[in-house]
């Protein structure tokens, strides 16, 4: 896999993973349904943090496969976390800010 393909793969996986907690009622998209009618907000945020780290592990594995891993400072992680939250905005808007019919 080329470096460009790896970058686009990480961006696409990050986009899907960032919106996943807001698009379904299952825990981590594969687990059991939430016990109440909807997952609580803290559960969605916890999933978002977990998925951020999983996407980071994927990116780290792809970087290791391409060559030497460049050491990163705290600034890198602050920017990637902010970018991940920004990618989650469409799912948040769909879940909490759009009007839908009663279920």
N, C-alpha and C. Protein backbone atom coordinates (compact mmCIF):
# COMPACT_ATOMS: atom_id res chain seq x y z
N UNK A 1 0.85 -1.17 0.00
CA UNK A 1 0.00 0.00 0.00
C UNK A 1 0.90 1.24 0.00
N UNK A 2 0.57 2.20 -0.84
CA UNK A 2 1.37 3.40 -0.92
C UNK A 2 1.07 4.33 0.25
N UNK A 3 1.90 5.33 0.39
CA UNK A 3 1.72 6.28 1.48
C UNK A 3 0.43 7.08 1.29
N UNK A 4 0.12 7.47 0.07
CA UNK A 4 -1.10 8.22 -0.20
C UNK A 4 -2.34 7.38 0.10
N UNK A 5 -2.32 6.14 -0.28
CA UNK A 5 -3.46 5.25 0.02
C UNK A 5 -3.62 5.06 1.52
N UNK A 6 -2.51 4.96 2.25
CA UNK A 6 -2.58 4.81 3.70
C UNK A 6 -3.20 6.04 4.35
N UNK A 7 -2.82 7.21 3.88
CA UNK A 7 -3.38 8.45 4.42
C UNK A 7 -4.88 8.52 4.19
N UNK A 8 -5.30 8.22 2.97
CA UNK A 8 -6.74 8.27 2.67
C UNK A 8 -7.51 7.20 3.44
N UNK A 9 -6.90 6.06 3.65
CA UNK A 9 -7.55 5.01 4.44
C UNK A 9 -7.77 5.47 5.88
N UNK A 10 -6.76 6.09 6.48
CA UNK A 10 -6.88 6.57 7.85
C UNK A 10 -7.96 7.67 7.93
N UNK A 11 -8.01 8.57 6.97
CA UNK A 11 -9.01 9.63 6.98
C UNK A 11 -10.41 9.05 6.84
N UNK A 12 -10.59 8.10 5.95
CA UNK A 12 -11.90 7.48 5.76
C UNK A 12 -12.34 6.70 7.00
N UNK A 13 -11.42 5.94 7.59
CA UNK A 13 -11.75 5.18 8.81
C UNK A 13 -12.06 6.14 9.95
N UNK A 14 -11.34 7.25 10.05
CA UNK A 14 -11.59 8.24 11.10
C UNK A 14 -12.97 8.88 10.92
N UNK A 15 -13.35 9.16 9.69
CA UNK A 15 -14.67 9.76 9.43
C UNK A 15 -15.78 8.80 9.84
N UNK A 16 -15.66 7.54 9.49
CA UNK A 16 -16.68 6.56 9.85
C UNK A 16 -16.69 6.33 11.36
N UNK A 17 -15.51 6.19 11.96
CA UNK A 17 -15.43 5.91 13.39
C UNK A 17 -15.92 7.08 14.24
N UNK A 18 -15.69 8.29 13.78
CA UNK A 18 -16.12 9.46 14.55
C UNK A 18 -17.64 9.59 14.58
N UNK A 19 -18.31 9.15 13.53
CA UNK A 19 -19.77 9.25 13.47
C UNK A 19 -20.48 8.02 13.98
N UNK A 20 -19.77 6.93 14.16
CA UNK A 20 -20.37 5.67 14.58
C UNK A 20 -21.11 5.75 15.92
N UNK A 21 -20.59 6.40 16.95
CA UNK A 21 -21.32 6.44 18.22
C UNK A 21 -22.67 7.16 18.13
N UNK A 22 -22.81 8.05 17.18
CA UNK A 22 -24.04 8.83 17.06
C UNK A 22 -25.06 8.21 16.12
N UNK A 23 -24.66 7.22 15.35
CA UNK A 23 -25.53 6.66 14.33
C UNK A 23 -26.24 5.38 14.74
N UNK A 24 -25.90 4.80 15.88
CA UNK A 24 -26.56 3.56 16.29
C UNK A 24 -26.73 3.52 17.80
N UNK A 25 -27.54 2.59 18.25
CA UNK A 25 -27.82 2.44 19.68
C UNK A 25 -27.09 1.25 20.30
N UNK A 26 -26.29 0.56 19.54
CA UNK A 26 -25.52 -0.57 20.07
C UNK A 26 -24.22 -0.06 20.66
N UNK A 27 -23.73 -0.75 21.67
CA UNK A 27 -22.45 -0.39 22.26
C UNK A 27 -21.33 -0.83 21.33
N UNK A 28 -20.51 0.08 20.92
CA UNK A 28 -19.40 -0.13 19.98
C UNK A 28 -19.87 -0.73 18.66
N UNK A 29 -21.08 -0.46 18.27
CA UNK A 29 -21.68 -0.84 17.00
C UNK A 29 -21.85 -2.35 16.82
N UNK A 30 -21.34 -3.16 17.71
CA UNK A 30 -21.48 -4.60 17.56
C UNK A 30 -22.00 -5.27 18.81
N UNK A 31 -21.98 -4.57 19.92
CA UNK A 31 -22.39 -5.14 21.19
C UNK A 31 -23.90 -5.13 21.35
N UNK A 32 -24.36 -5.37 22.56
CA UNK A 32 -25.80 -5.39 22.82
C UNK A 32 -26.40 -3.98 22.73
N UNK A 33 -27.70 -3.95 22.57
CA UNK A 33 -28.41 -2.67 22.55
C UNK A 33 -28.30 -2.00 23.91
N UNK A 34 -28.38 -0.68 23.91
CA UNK A 34 -28.37 0.05 25.17
C UNK A 34 -29.60 -0.34 25.98
N UNK A 35 -29.48 -0.39 27.30
CA UNK A 35 -30.57 -0.87 28.14
C UNK A 35 -31.78 0.06 28.10
N UNK A 36 -31.53 1.35 28.02
CA UNK A 36 -32.65 2.28 27.90
C UNK A 36 -32.97 2.47 26.42
N UNK A 37 -33.88 3.37 26.13
CA UNK A 37 -34.27 3.59 24.74
C UNK A 37 -33.12 4.14 23.91
N UNK A 38 -32.31 5.01 24.52
CA UNK A 38 -31.15 5.58 23.83
C UNK A 38 -29.92 5.47 24.71
N UNK A 39 -28.76 5.44 24.07
CA UNK A 39 -27.51 5.45 24.82
C UNK A 39 -27.35 6.83 25.46
N UNK A 40 -26.81 6.89 26.65
CA UNK A 40 -26.58 8.21 27.27
C UNK A 40 -25.43 8.95 26.56
N UNK A 41 -25.40 10.25 26.72
CA UNK A 41 -24.37 11.06 26.08
C UNK A 41 -22.98 10.65 26.56
N UNK A 42 -22.83 10.32 27.85
CA UNK A 42 -21.51 9.93 28.34
C UNK A 42 -21.04 8.64 27.67
N UNK A 43 -21.97 7.76 27.32
CA UNK A 43 -21.61 6.53 26.62
C UNK A 43 -21.13 6.81 25.22
N UNK A 44 -21.78 7.74 24.56
CA UNK A 44 -21.36 8.12 23.21
C UNK A 44 -19.97 8.78 23.23
N UNK A 45 -19.73 9.61 24.23
CA UNK A 45 -18.42 10.27 24.33
C UNK A 45 -17.33 9.26 24.67
N UNK A 46 -17.64 8.29 25.53
CA UNK A 46 -16.66 7.25 25.85
C UNK A 46 -16.31 6.42 24.61
N UNK A 47 -17.32 6.09 23.81
CA UNK A 47 -17.07 5.38 22.56
C UNK A 47 -16.22 6.22 21.62
N UNK A 48 -16.49 7.52 21.58
CA UNK A 48 -15.73 8.42 20.71
C UNK A 48 -14.25 8.42 21.10
N UNK A 49 -13.96 8.47 22.39
CA UNK A 49 -12.57 8.46 22.85
C UNK A 49 -11.92 7.12 22.52
N UNK A 50 -12.62 6.02 22.77
CA UNK A 50 -12.07 4.70 22.46
C UNK A 50 -11.79 4.56 20.96
N UNK A 51 -12.71 5.01 20.13
CA UNK A 51 -12.52 4.90 18.69
C UNK A 51 -11.38 5.81 18.21
N UNK A 52 -11.18 6.94 18.88
CA UNK A 52 -10.04 7.81 18.55
C UNK A 52 -8.73 7.04 18.73
N UNK A 53 -8.62 6.32 19.86
CA UNK A 53 -7.40 5.57 20.11
C UNK A 53 -7.25 4.39 19.14
N UNK A 54 -8.35 3.76 18.76
CA UNK A 54 -8.28 2.65 17.80
C UNK A 54 -7.83 3.13 16.42
N UNK A 55 -8.35 4.28 15.99
CA UNK A 55 -7.91 4.85 14.71
C UNK A 55 -6.44 5.25 14.80
N UNK A 56 -6.03 5.76 15.95
CA UNK A 56 -4.61 6.10 16.14
C UNK A 56 -3.72 4.87 16.05
N UNK A 57 -4.19 3.75 16.60
CA UNK A 57 -3.41 2.51 16.50
C UNK A 57 -3.31 2.03 15.05
N UNK A 58 -4.39 2.19 14.29
CA UNK A 58 -4.35 1.84 12.87
C UNK A 58 -3.34 2.73 12.14
N UNK A 59 -3.37 4.02 12.41
CA UNK A 59 -2.43 4.94 11.76
C UNK A 59 -0.99 4.61 12.14
N UNK A 60 -0.78 4.27 13.40
CA UNK A 60 0.56 3.90 13.85
C UNK A 60 1.05 2.63 13.16
N UNK A 61 0.16 1.66 13.02
CA UNK A 61 0.54 0.41 12.34
C UNK A 61 0.88 0.66 10.88
N UNK A 62 0.11 1.51 10.22
CA UNK A 62 0.40 1.82 8.81
C UNK A 62 1.70 2.59 8.67
N UNK A 63 1.96 3.51 9.62
CA UNK A 63 3.22 4.26 9.57
C UNK A 63 4.41 3.34 9.82
N UNK A 64 4.26 2.42 10.75
CA UNK A 64 5.34 1.47 11.04
C UNK A 64 5.61 0.60 9.81
N UNK A 65 4.57 0.25 9.10
CA UNK A 65 4.73 -0.59 7.90
C UNK A 65 5.46 0.15 6.79
N UNK A 66 5.28 1.47 6.72
CA UNK A 66 5.91 2.26 5.67
C UNK A 66 7.35 2.63 5.97
N UNK A 67 7.74 2.58 7.23
CA UNK A 67 9.11 2.95 7.58
C UNK A 67 9.22 3.33 9.03
N UNK A 68 10.19 4.17 9.31
CA UNK A 68 10.45 4.58 10.68
C UNK A 68 9.35 5.49 11.21
N UNK A 69 8.98 5.28 12.47
CA UNK A 69 7.94 6.09 13.10
C UNK A 69 8.57 7.37 13.63
N UNK A 70 7.96 8.50 13.27
CA UNK A 70 8.45 9.79 13.73
C UNK A 70 7.85 10.09 15.10
N UNK A 71 8.67 10.45 16.10
CA UNK A 71 8.12 10.76 17.43
C UNK A 71 7.28 12.03 17.40
N UNK A 72 6.17 12.02 18.13
CA UNK A 72 5.23 13.15 18.16
C UNK A 72 5.17 13.75 19.55
N UNK A 73 4.91 15.04 19.60
CA UNK A 73 4.72 15.74 20.86
C UNK A 73 3.24 15.87 21.18
N UNK A 74 2.94 16.54 22.28
CA UNK A 74 1.55 16.68 22.72
C UNK A 74 0.73 17.48 21.72
N UNK A 75 1.37 18.37 20.96
CA UNK A 75 0.65 19.19 19.99
C UNK A 75 -0.01 18.34 18.92
N UNK A 76 0.68 17.30 18.48
CA UNK A 76 0.14 16.40 17.46
C UNK A 76 -1.14 15.73 17.95
N UNK A 77 -1.12 15.25 19.18
CA UNK A 77 -2.28 14.55 19.73
C UNK A 77 -3.43 15.51 19.99
N UNK A 78 -3.14 16.74 20.38
CA UNK A 78 -4.19 17.74 20.58
C UNK A 78 -4.87 18.07 19.24
N UNK A 79 -4.09 18.19 18.20
CA UNK A 79 -4.65 18.51 16.88
C UNK A 79 -5.45 17.34 16.32
N UNK A 80 -4.93 16.10 16.46
CA UNK A 80 -5.67 14.96 15.92
C UNK A 80 -6.96 14.71 16.70
N UNK A 81 -6.95 14.95 18.01
CA UNK A 81 -8.19 14.79 18.79
C UNK A 81 -9.21 15.84 18.37
N UNK A 82 -8.77 17.06 18.14
CA UNK A 82 -9.67 18.12 17.68
C UNK A 82 -10.22 17.79 16.30
N UNK A 83 -9.38 17.28 15.42
CA UNK A 83 -9.83 16.88 14.09
C UNK A 83 -10.85 15.74 14.18
N UNK A 84 -10.63 14.79 15.07
CA UNK A 84 -11.55 13.67 15.23
C UNK A 84 -12.92 14.15 15.73
N UNK A 85 -12.91 15.09 16.67
CA UNK A 85 -14.18 15.66 17.16
C UNK A 85 -14.87 16.44 16.05
N UNK A 86 -14.10 17.14 15.22
CA UNK A 86 -14.68 17.86 14.08
C UNK A 86 -15.30 16.90 13.08
N UNK A 87 -14.67 15.77 12.85
CA UNK A 87 -15.23 14.77 11.95
C UNK A 87 -16.52 14.17 12.51
N UNK A 88 -16.70 14.21 13.83
CA UNK A 88 -17.90 13.67 14.46
C UNK A 88 -19.08 14.63 14.40
N UNK A 89 -18.88 15.85 13.94
CA UNK A 89 -19.93 16.85 13.94
C UNK A 89 -21.18 16.44 13.14
N UNK A 90 -21.06 15.86 11.95
CA UNK A 90 -22.28 15.45 11.24
C UNK A 90 -23.14 14.46 12.01
N UNK A 91 -22.52 13.50 12.65
CA UNK A 91 -23.28 12.53 13.45
C UNK A 91 -23.94 13.18 14.65
N UNK A 92 -23.25 14.11 15.30
CA UNK A 92 -23.81 14.83 16.44
C UNK A 92 -25.02 15.65 16.01
N UNK A 93 -24.90 16.34 14.89
CA UNK A 93 -26.02 17.14 14.38
C UNK A 93 -27.20 16.25 14.04
N UNK A 94 -26.93 15.11 13.40
CA UNK A 94 -28.02 14.21 13.03
C UNK A 94 -28.72 13.67 14.27
N UNK A 95 -27.96 13.34 15.31
CA UNK A 95 -28.54 12.74 16.51
C UNK A 95 -29.27 13.76 17.38
N UNK A 96 -28.69 14.93 17.60
CA UNK A 96 -29.22 15.84 18.61
C UNK A 96 -29.84 17.13 18.09
N UNK A 97 -29.53 17.55 16.87
CA UNK A 97 -30.01 18.85 16.43
C UNK A 97 -31.04 18.81 15.31
N UNK A 98 -31.32 17.63 14.74
CA UNK A 98 -32.35 17.57 13.70
C UNK A 98 -33.65 17.09 14.30
N UNK A 99 -34.74 17.59 13.73
CA UNK A 99 -36.07 17.17 14.19
C UNK A 99 -36.46 15.92 13.41
N UNK A 100 -36.90 14.92 14.16
CA UNK A 100 -37.36 13.68 13.53
C UNK A 100 -38.71 13.33 14.14
N UNK A 101 -39.43 12.51 13.43
CA UNK A 101 -40.72 12.04 13.95
C UNK A 101 -40.51 11.19 15.19
N UNK A 102 -41.50 11.14 16.03
CA UNK A 102 -41.42 10.29 17.22
C UNK A 102 -41.31 8.83 16.81
N UNK A 103 -40.55 8.10 17.59
CA UNK A 103 -40.35 6.68 17.23
C UNK A 103 -41.35 5.81 17.91
